[in-house]
Amino acid sequence: PACTLLALYDDVTEVLDMPKVFTVELYVAKQGNYLMAHDDD
């Protein structure tokens, strides 16, 4: 209900290669303007 977990390496790397689809929005509230709270910008 809160998120989707990936347990296989290939799935994880595929997601990490698509930052515009699978974003870091979940961390924005905590990390603010820190670079890890930004996607490919």
All heavy atoms as atom14 arrays in JSON, in Angstrom:
{
  "sequence": "PACTLLALYDDVTEVLDMPKVFTVELYVAKQGNYLMAHDDD",
  "atom14_mask": [
    [1, 1, 1, 1, 1, 1, 1, 0, 0, 0, 0, 0, 0, 0],
    [1, 1, 1, 1, 1, 0, 0, 0, 0, 0, 0, 0, 0, 0],
    [1, 1, 1, 1, 1, 1, 0, 0, 0, 0, 0, 0, 0, 0],
    [1, 1, 1, 1, 1, 1, 1, 0, 0, 0, 0, 0, 0, 0],
    [1, 1, 1, 1, 1, 1, 1, 1, 0, 0, 0, 0, 0, 0],
    [1, 1, 1, 1, 1, 1, 1, 1, 0, 0, 0, 0, 0, 0],
    [1, 1, 1, 1, 1, 0, 0, 0, 0, 0, 0, 0, 0, 0],
    [1, 1, 1, 1, 1, 1, 1, 1, 0, 0, 0, 0, 0, 0],
    [1, 1, 1, 1, 1, 1, 1, 1, 1, 1, 1, 1, 0, 0],
    [1, 1, 1, 1, 1, 1, 1, 1, 0, 0, 0, 0, 0, 0],
    [1, 1, 1, 1, 1, 1, 1, 1, 0, 0, 0, 0, 0, 0],
    [1, 1, 1, 1, 1, 1, 1, 0, 0, 0, 0, 0, 0, 0],
    [1, 1, 1, 1, 1, 1, 1, 0, 0, 0, 0, 0, 0, 0],
    [1, 1, 1, 1, 1, 1, 1, 1, 1, 0, 0, 0, 0, 0],
    [1, 1, 1, 1, 1, 1, 1, 0, 0, 0, 0, 0, 0, 0],
    [1, 1, 1, 1, 1, 1, 1, 1, 0, 0, 0, 0, 0, 0],
    [1, 1, 1, 1, 1, 1, 1, 1, 0, 0, 0, 0, 0, 0],
    [1, 1, 1, 1, 1, 1, 1, 1, 0, 0, 0, 0, 0, 0],
    [1, 1, 1, 1, 1, 1, 1, 0, 0, 0, 0, 0, 0, 0],
    [1, 1, 1, 1, 1, 1, 1, 1, 1, 0, 0, 0, 0, 0],
    [1, 1, 1, 1, 1, 1, 1, 0, 0, 0, 0, 0, 0, 0],
    [1, 1, 1, 1, 1, 1, 1, 1, 1, 1, 1, 0, 0, 0],
    [1, 1, 1, 1, 1, 1, 1, 0, 0, 0, 0, 0, 0, 0],
    [1, 1, 1, 1, 1, 1, 1, 0, 0, 0, 0, 0, 0, 0],
    [1, 1, 1, 1, 1, 1, 1, 1, 1, 0, 0, 0, 0, 0],
    [1, 1, 1, 1, 1, 1, 1, 1, 0, 0, 0, 0, 0, 0],
    [1, 1, 1, 1, 1, 1, 1, 1, 1, 1, 1, 1, 0, 0],
    [1, 1, 1, 1, 1, 1, 1, 0, 0, 0, 0, 0, 0, 0],
    [1, 1, 1, 1, 1, 0, 0, 0, 0, 0, 0, 0, 0, 0],
    [1, 1, 1, 1, 1, 1, 1, 1, 1, 0, 0, 0, 0, 0],
    [1, 1, 1, 1, 1, 1, 1, 1, 1, 0, 0, 0, 0, 0],
    [1, 1, 1, 1, 0, 0, 0, 0, 0, 0, 0, 0, 0, 0],
    [1, 1, 1, 1, 1, 1, 1, 1, 0, 0, 0, 0, 0, 0],
    [1, 1, 1, 1, 1, 1, 1, 1, 1, 1, 1, 1, 0, 0],
    [1, 1, 1, 1, 1, 1, 1, 1, 0, 0, 0, 0, 0, 0],
    [1, 1, 1, 1, 1, 1, 1, 1, 0, 0, 0, 0, 0, 0],
    [1, 1, 1, 1, 1, 0, 0, 0, 0, 0, 0, 0, 0, 0],
    [1, 1, 1, 1, 1, 1, 1, 1, 1, 1, 0, 0, 0, 0],
    [1, 1, 1, 1, 1, 1, 1, 1, 0, 0, 0, 0, 0, 0],
    [1, 1, 1, 1, 1, 1, 1, 1, 0, 0, 0, 0, 0, 0],
    [1, 1, 1, 1, 1, 1, 1, 1, 0, 0, 0, 0, 0, 0]
  ],
  "atom14_positions": [
    [[0.8, -1.23, 0.0], [0.0, 0.0, 0.0], [0.83, 1.28, 0.0], [0.36, 2.33, -0.42], [-0.81, -0.12, 1.3], [-0.87, -1.58, 1.59], [0.44, -2.11, 1.12], [0.0, 0.0, 0.0], [0.0, 0.0, 0.0], [0.0, 0.0, 0.0], [0.0, 0.0, 0.0], [0.0, 0.0, 0.0], [0.0, 0.0, 0.0], [0.0, 0.0, 0.0]],
    [[2.09, 1.19, 0.46], [2.93, 2.39, 0.56], [3.93, 2.51, -0.58], [4.3, 3.62, -0.97], [3.68, 2.4, 1.89], [0.0, 0.0, 0.0], [0.0, 0.0, 0.0], [0.0, 0.0, 0.0], [0.0, 0.0, 0.0], [0.0, 0.0, 0.0], [0.0, 0.0, 0.0], [0.0, 0.0, 0.0], [0.0, 0.0, 0.0], [0.0, 0.0, 0.0]],
    [[4.4, 1.38, -1.1], [5.43, 1.42, -2.14], [5.52, 0.06, -2.81], [4.82, -0.89, -2.43], [6.78, 1.8, -1.54], [7.42, 0.55, -0.39], [0.0, 0.0, 0.0], [0.0, 0.0, 0.0], [0.0, 0.0, 0.0], [0.0, 0.0, 0.0], [0.0, 0.0, 0.0], [0.0, 0.0, 0.0], [0.0, 0.0, 0.0], [0.0, 0.0, 0.0]],
    [[6.37, -0.03, -3.83], [6.63, -1.3, -4.51], [8.07, -1.69, -4.27], [8.98, -0.9, -4.51], [6.35, -1.18, -6.02], [4.97, -0.86, -6.21], [6.68, -2.48, -6.74], [0.0, 0.0, 0.0], [0.0, 0.0, 0.0], [0.0, 0.0, 0.0], [0.0, 0.0, 0.0], [0.0, 0.0, 0.0], [0.0, 0.0, 0.0], [0.0, 0.0, 0.0]],
    [[8.3, -2.92, -3.81], [9.64, -3.42, -3.55], [10.11, -4.28, -4.71], [9.35, -5.09, -5.24], [9.66, -4.28, -2.28], [10.0, -3.59, -0.96], [8.89, -2.62, -0.58], [10.22, -4.6, 0.14], [0.0, 0.0, 0.0], [0.0, 0.0, 0.0], [0.0, 0.0, 0.0], [0.0, 0.0, 0.0], [0.0, 0.0, 0.0], [0.0, 0.0, 0.0]],
    [[11.37, -4.08, -5.1], [12.0, -4.88, -6.14], [13.1, -5.71, -5.5], [13.94, -5.18, -4.77], [12.59, -3.99, -7.22], [11.64, -2.97, -7.86], [12.38, -2.12, -8.87], [10.45, -3.66, -8.5], [0.0, 0.0, 0.0], [0.0, 0.0, 0.0], [0.0, 0.0, 0.0], [0.0, 0.0, 0.0], [0.0, 0.0, 0.0], [0.0, 0.0, 0.0]],
    [[13.14, -7.0, -5.81], [14.1, -7.89, -5.15], [15.15, -8.46, -6.1], [16.07, -9.13, -5.66], [13.36, -9.05, -4.47], [0.0, 0.0, 0.0], [0.0, 0.0, 0.0], [0.0, 0.0, 0.0], [0.0, 0.0, 0.0], [0.0, 0.0, 0.0], [0.0, 0.0, 0.0], [0.0, 0.0, 0.0], [0.0, 0.0, 0.0], [0.0, 0.0, 0.0]],
    [[15.03, -8.19, -7.4], [15.99, -8.71, -8.36], [16.87, -7.61, -8.92], [16.4, -6.5, -9.19], [15.26, -9.41, -9.52], [14.48, -10.68, -9.17], [13.8, -11.23, -10.41], [15.4, -11.73, -8.54], [0.0, 0.0, 0.0], [0.0, 0.0, 0.0], [0.0, 0.0, 0.0], [0.0, 0.0, 0.0], [0.0, 0.0, 0.0], [0.0, 0.0, 0.0]],
    [[18.13, -7.9, -9.1], [19.11, -6.93, -9.57], [18.69, -6.28, -10.89], [18.77, -5.06, -11.05], [20.47, -7.63, -9.73], [21.54, -6.75, -10.34], [22.27, -5.87, -9.55], [21.83, -6.82, -11.7], [23.26, -5.07, -10.1], [22.81, -6.02, -12.27], [23.52, -5.15, -11.46], [24.49, -4.35, -12.02], [0.0, 0.0, 0.0], [0.0, 0.0, 0.0]],
    [[18.26, -7.09, -11.85], [17.9, -6.55, -13.16], [16.76, -5.55, -13.06], [16.74, -4.53, -13.77], [17.53, -7.67, -14.12], [18.75, -8.48, -14.57], [19.88, -7.97, -14.4], [18.57, -9.6, -15.08], [0.0, 0.0, 0.0], [0.0, 0.0, 0.0], [0.0, 0.0, 0.0], [0.0, 0.0, 0.0], [0.0, 0.0, 0.0], [0.0, 0.0, 0.0]],
    [[15.78, -5.82, -12.21], [14.66, -4.89, -12.04], [15.12, -3.59, -11.39], [14.69, -2.5, -11.78], [13.56, -5.54, -11.18], [12.87, -6.69, -11.9], [12.84, -6.68, -13.14], [12.37, -7.6, -11.21], [0.0, 0.0, 0.0], [0.0, 0.0, 0.0], [0.0, 0.0, 0.0], [0.0, 0.0, 0.0], [0.0, 0.0, 0.0], [0.0, 0.0, 0.0]],
    [[15.99, -3.7, -10.4], [16.49, -2.51, -9.7], [17.27, -1.62, -10.66], [17.06, -0.4, -10.72], [17.36, -2.91, -8.5], [18.03, -1.68, -7.9], [16.51, -3.62, -7.44], [0.0, 0.0, 0.0], [0.0, 0.0, 0.0], [0.0, 0.0, 0.0], [0.0, 0.0, 0.0], [0.0, 0.0, 0.0], [0.0, 0.0, 0.0], [0.0, 0.0, 0.0]],
    [[18.18, -2.2, -11.44], [18.98, -1.4, -12.36], [18.12, -0.78, -13.45], [18.38, 0.34, -13.89], [20.11, -2.23, -12.99], [19.55, -3.4, -13.61], [21.11, -2.65, -11.93], [0.0, 0.0, 0.0], [0.0, 0.0, 0.0], [0.0, 0.0, 0.0], [0.0, 0.0, 0.0], [0.0, 0.0, 0.0], [0.0, 0.0, 0.0], [0.0, 0.0, 0.0]],
    [[17.09, -1.49, -13.89], [16.19, -0.92, -14.89], [15.47, 0.31, -14.34], [15.35, 1.34, -15.02], [15.16, -1.96, -15.34], [14.23, -1.45, -16.43], [13.25, -2.51, -16.91], [13.27, -3.65, -16.38], [12.46, -2.2, -17.81], [0.0, 0.0, 0.0], [0.0, 0.0, 0.0], [0.0, 0.0, 0.0], [0.0, 0.0, 0.0], [0.0, 0.0, 0.0]],
    [[15.02, 0.22, -13.11], [14.34, 1.36, -12.48], [15.29, 2.53, -12.31], [14.94, 3.69, -12.58], [13.75, 0.93, -11.12], [13.41, 2.14, -10.27], [12.51, 0.07, -11.33], [0.0, 0.0, 0.0], [0.0, 0.0, 0.0], [0.0, 0.0, 0.0], [0.0, 0.0, 0.0], [0.0, 0.0, 0.0], [0.0, 0.0, 0.0], [0.0, 0.0, 0.0]],
    [[16.51, 2.26, -11.86], [17.48, 3.34, -11.64], [17.85, 4.06, -12.93], [18.28, 5.21, -12.91], [18.73, 2.79, -10.97], [18.55, 2.31, -9.53], [19.85, 1.69, -9.01], [18.11, 3.44, -8.62], [0.0, 0.0, 0.0], [0.0, 0.0, 0.0], [0.0, 0.0, 0.0], [0.0, 0.0, 0.0], [0.0, 0.0, 0.0], [0.0, 0.0, 0.0]],
    [[17.69, 3.39, -14.05], [17.99, 4.0, -15.34], [16.83, 4.82, -15.9], [16.95, 5.38, -17.0], [18.37, 2.91, -16.36], [19.79, 2.41, -16.17], [20.61, 3.17, -15.61], [20.09, 1.28, -16.59], [0.0, 0.0, 0.0], [0.0, 0.0, 0.0], [0.0, 0.0, 0.0], [0.0, 0.0, 0.0], [0.0, 0.0, 0.0], [0.0, 0.0, 0.0]],
    [[15.74, 4.91, -15.15], [14.58, 5.68, -15.62], [14.14, 6.69, -14.55], [13.04, 6.59, -13.99], [13.43, 4.75, -15.97], [13.73, 3.85, -17.16], [12.29, 2.91, -17.71], [12.19, 1.68, -16.42], [0.0, 0.0, 0.0], [0.0, 0.0, 0.0], [0.0, 0.0, 0.0], [0.0, 0.0, 0.0], [0.0, 0.0, 0.0], [0.0, 0.0, 0.0]],
    [[14.99, 7.69, -14.24], [14.67, 8.62, -13.15], [13.46, 9.51, -13.41], [12.9, 10.05, -12.46], [15.96, 9.45, -13.02], [16.59, 9.38, -14.37], [16.28, 8.0, -14.87], [0.0, 0.0, 0.0], [0.0, 0.0, 0.0], [0.0, 0.0, 0.0], [0.0, 0.0, 0.0], [0.0, 0.0, 0.0], [0.0, 0.0, 0.0], [0.0, 0.0, 0.0]],
    [[13.07, 9.66, -14.66], [11.9, 10.48, -14.95], [10.6, 9.72, -14.71], [9.55, 10.31, -14.53], [11.93, 10.98, -16.4], [13.11, 11.89, -16.73], [13.08, 13.16, -15.9], [14.19, 14.12, -16.32], [14.24, 15.31, -15.47], [0.0, 0.0, 0.0], [0.0, 0.0, 0.0], [0.0, 0.0, 0.0], [0.0, 0.0, 0.0], [0.0, 0.0, 0.0]],
    [[10.69, 8.4, -14.71], [9.52, 7.56, -14.45], [9.46, 7.17, -12.98], [8.43, 7.32, -12.31], [9.54, 6.3, -15.35], [8.34, 5.4, -15.04], [9.55, 6.7, -16.82], [0.0, 0.0, 0.0], [0.0, 0.0, 0.0], [0.0, 0.0, 0.0], [0.0, 0.0, 0.0], [0.0, 0.0, 0.0], [0.0, 0.0, 0.0], [0.0, 0.0, 0.0]],
    [[10.57, 6.65, -12.48], [10.67, 6.25, -11.08], [11.49, 7.33, -10.36], [12.72, 7.29, -10.36], [11.33, 4.87, -10.96], [10.58, 3.79, -11.69], [10.96, 3.41, -12.97], [9.48, 3.19, -11.1], [10.26, 2.42, -13.64], [8.78, 2.2, -11.78], [9.17, 1.81, -13.05], [0.0, 0.0, 0.0], [0.0, 0.0, 0.0], [0.0, 0.0, 0.0]],
    [[10.81, 8.28, -9.77], [11.46, 9.47, -9.25], [11.87, 9.32, -7.78], [11.58, 8.31, -7.14], [10.52, 10.68, -9.37], [9.48, 10.57, -8.38], [9.9, 10.76, -10.75], [0.0, 0.0, 0.0], [0.0, 0.0, 0.0], [0.0, 0.0, 0.0], [0.0, 0.0, 0.0], [0.0, 0.0, 0.0], [0.0, 0.0, 0.0], [0.0, 0.0, 0.0]],
    [[12.52, 10.36, -7.27], [12.94, 10.4, -5.87], [11.98, 11.26, -5.04], [12.34, 11.73, -3.96], [14.37, 10.94, -5.73], [15.36, 9.97, -6.34], [14.51, 12.32, -6.36], [0.0, 0.0, 0.0], [0.0, 0.0, 0.0], [0.0, 0.0, 0.0], [0.0, 0.0, 0.0], [0.0, 0.0, 0.0], [0.0, 0.0, 0.0], [0.0, 0.0, 0.0]],
    [[10.77, 11.44, -5.53], [9.81, 12.32, -4.87], [9.57, 11.92, -3.41], [9.34, 12.77, -2.55], [8.49, 12.31, -5.63], [7.44, 13.26, -5.06], [6.16, 13.25, -5.86], [6.11, 12.59, -6.92], [5.19, 13.91, -5.43], [0.0, 0.0, 0.0], [0.0, 0.0, 0.0], [0.0, 0.0, 0.0], [0.0, 0.0, 0.0], [0.0, 0.0, 0.0]],
    [[9.66, 10.65, -3.11], [9.43, 10.16, -1.75], [10.37, 10.82, -0.74], [10.03, 10.97, 0.42], [9.63, 8.64, -1.73], [9.3, 7.88, -0.44], [7.82, 7.98, -0.12], [9.71, 6.43, -0.57], [0.0, 0.0, 0.0], [0.0, 0.0, 0.0], [0.0, 0.0, 0.0], [0.0, 0.0, 0.0], [0.0, 0.0, 0.0], [0.0, 0.0, 0.0]],
    [[11.57, 11.22, -1.19], [12.58, 11.76, -0.28], [12.6, 13.29, -0.22], [13.33, 13.86, 0.59], [13.97, 11.25, -0.69], [14.11, 9.77, -0.56], [13.82, 8.92, -1.62], [14.5, 9.18, 0.64], [13.92, 7.54, -1.5], [14.61, 7.81, 0.78], [14.32, 7.0, -0.3], [14.41, 5.63, -0.17], [0.0, 0.0, 0.0], [0.0, 0.0, 0.0]],
    [[11.81, 13.95, -1.06], [11.87, 15.4, -1.14], [11.48, 16.05, 0.19], [12.11, 17.01, 0.64], [10.98, 15.91, -2.28], [10.85, 17.44, -2.23], [11.55, 15.47, -3.63], [0.0, 0.0, 0.0], [0.0, 0.0, 0.0], [0.0, 0.0, 0.0], [0.0, 0.0, 0.0], [0.0, 0.0, 0.0], [0.0, 0.0, 0.0], [0.0, 0.0, 0.0]],
    [[10.45, 15.53, 0.82], [9.97, 16.13, 2.07], [11.05, 16.16, 3.14], [11.14, 17.1, 3.93], [8.76, 15.36, 2.59], [0.0, 0.0, 0.0], [0.0, 0.0, 0.0], [0.0, 0.0, 0.0], [0.0, 0.0, 0.0], [0.0, 0.0, 0.0], [0.0, 0.0, 0.0], [0.0, 0.0, 0.0], [0.0, 0.0, 0.0], [0.0, 0.0, 0.0]],
    [[11.92, 15.16, 3.15], [12.97, 15.07, 4.16], [14.25, 15.78, 3.73], [14.88, 16.48, 4.51], [13.28, 13.59, 4.45], [14.39, 13.37, 5.47], [13.98, 13.81, 6.86], [15.07, 13.53, 7.85], [14.7, 13.93, 9.21], [0.0, 0.0, 0.0], [0.0, 0.0, 0.0], [0.0, 0.0, 0.0], [0.0, 0.0, 0.0], [0.0, 0.0, 0.0]],
    [[14.64, 15.61, 2.47], [15.95, 16.07, 2.04], [15.92, 17.43, 1.35], [16.98, 17.99, 1.05], [16.59, 15.03, 1.13], [16.8, 13.7, 1.83], [17.73, 12.77, 1.07], [18.38, 13.16, 0.12], [17.78, 11.52, 1.5], [0.0, 0.0, 0.0], [0.0, 0.0, 0.0], [0.0, 0.0, 0.0], [0.0, 0.0, 0.0], [0.0, 0.0, 0.0]],
    [[14.76, 17.97, 1.1], [14.65, 19.33, 0.58], [15.37, 19.53, -0.73], [15.11, 18.82, -1.7], [0.0, 0.0, 0.0], [0.0, 0.0, 0.0], [0.0, 0.0, 0.0], [0.0, 0.0, 0.0], [0.0, 0.0, 0.0], [0.0, 0.0, 0.0], [0.0, 0.0, 0.0], [0.0, 0.0, 0.0], [0.0, 0.0, 0.0], [0.0, 0.0, 0.0]],
    [[16.31, 20.49, -0.77], [16.99, 20.85, -2.01], [18.31, 20.1, -2.2], [19.1, 20.44, -3.08], [17.25, 22.37, -2.04], [17.34, 22.89, -3.45], [16.6, 22.44, -4.33], [18.23, 23.84, -3.69], [0.0, 0.0, 0.0], [0.0, 0.0, 0.0], [0.0, 0.0, 0.0], [0.0, 0.0, 0.0], [0.0, 0.0, 0.0], [0.0, 0.0, 0.0]],
    [[18.56, 19.09, -1.37], [19.78, 18.3, -1.48], [19.79, 17.56, -2.82], [18.74, 17.15, -3.33], [19.84, 17.33, -0.31], [21.05, 16.43, -0.27], [22.33, 16.96, -0.34], [20.9, 15.06, -0.14], [23.45, 16.14, -0.29], [22.01, 14.23, -0.09], [23.27, 14.77, -0.16], [24.37, 13.95, -0.12], [0.0, 0.0, 0.0], [0.0, 0.0, 0.0]],
    [[20.96, 17.36, -3.39], [21.05, 16.79, -4.74], [20.36, 15.43, -4.86], [19.84, 15.09, -5.93], [22.5, 16.7, -5.2], [23.43, 15.64, -4.57], [23.44, 14.38, -5.42], [24.85, 16.16, -4.45], [0.0, 0.0, 0.0], [0.0, 0.0, 0.0], [0.0, 0.0, 0.0], [0.0, 0.0, 0.0], [0.0, 0.0, 0.0], [0.0, 0.0, 0.0]],
    [[20.35, 14.65, -3.79], [19.73, 13.32, -3.87], [18.21, 13.39, -3.85], [17.54, 12.38, -4.04], [20.26, 12.42, -2.74], [21.72, 12.08, -2.9], [22.32, 10.88, -1.69], [21.46, 9.4, -2.21], [0.0, 0.0, 0.0], [0.0, 0.0, 0.0], [0.0, 0.0, 0.0], [0.0, 0.0, 0.0], [0.0, 0.0, 0.0], [0.0, 0.0, 0.0]],
    [[17.66, 14.59, -3.61], [16.22, 14.77, -3.69], [15.83, 15.33, -5.06], [14.69, 15.73, -5.28], [15.72, 15.7, -2.59], [0.0, 0.0, 0.0], [0.0, 0.0, 0.0], [0.0, 0.0, 0.0], [0.0, 0.0, 0.0], [0.0, 0.0, 0.0], [0.0, 0.0, 0.0], [0.0, 0.0, 0.0], [0.0, 0.0, 0.0], [0.0, 0.0, 0.0]],
    [[16.78, 15.35, -5.97], [16.54, 15.78, -7.34], [16.8, 14.61, -8.28], [17.67, 13.78, -8.04], [17.45, 16.95, -7.71], [17.02, 18.25, -7.13], [16.45, 19.25, -7.87], [17.06, 18.71, -5.86], [16.16, 20.29, -7.09], [16.52, 19.97, -5.86], [0.0, 0.0, 0.0], [0.0, 0.0, 0.0], [0.0, 0.0, 0.0], [0.0, 0.0, 0.0]],
    [[16.05, 14.6, -9.38], [16.29, 13.59, -10.39], [17.29, 14.13, -11.4], [18.12, 14.98, -11.07], [14.96, 13.2, -11.05], [14.09, 12.38, -10.11], [14.56, 11.33, -9.65], [12.95, 12.79, -9.83], [0.0, 0.0, 0.0], [0.0, 0.0, 0.0], [0.0, 0.0, 0.0], [0.0, 0.0, 0.0], [0.0, 0.0, 0.0], [0.0, 0.0, 0.0]],
    [[17.22, 13.69, -12.6], [18.2, 14.03, -13.64], [17.99, 15.47, -14.12], [17.43, 15.71, -15.18], [18.04, 13.04, -14.79], [19.13, 13.19, -15.81], [20.16, 13.8, -15.5], [18.94, 12.68, -16.94], [0.0, 0.0, 0.0], [0.0, 0.0, 0.0], [0.0, 0.0, 0.0], [0.0, 0.0, 0.0], [0.0, 0.0, 0.0], [0.0, 0.0, 0.0]],
    [[18.44, 16.43, -13.28], [18.29, 17.83, -13.65], [19.62, 18.56, -13.45], [20.63, 17.98, -13.07], [17.17, 18.51, -12.85], [17.41, 18.49, -11.35], [18.53, 18.14, -10.91], [16.47, 18.8, -10.59], [0.0, 0.0, 0.0], [0.0, 0.0, 0.0], [0.0, 0.0, 0.0], [0.0, 0.0, 0.0], [0.0, 0.0, 0.0], [0.0, 0.0, 0.0]]
  ]
}
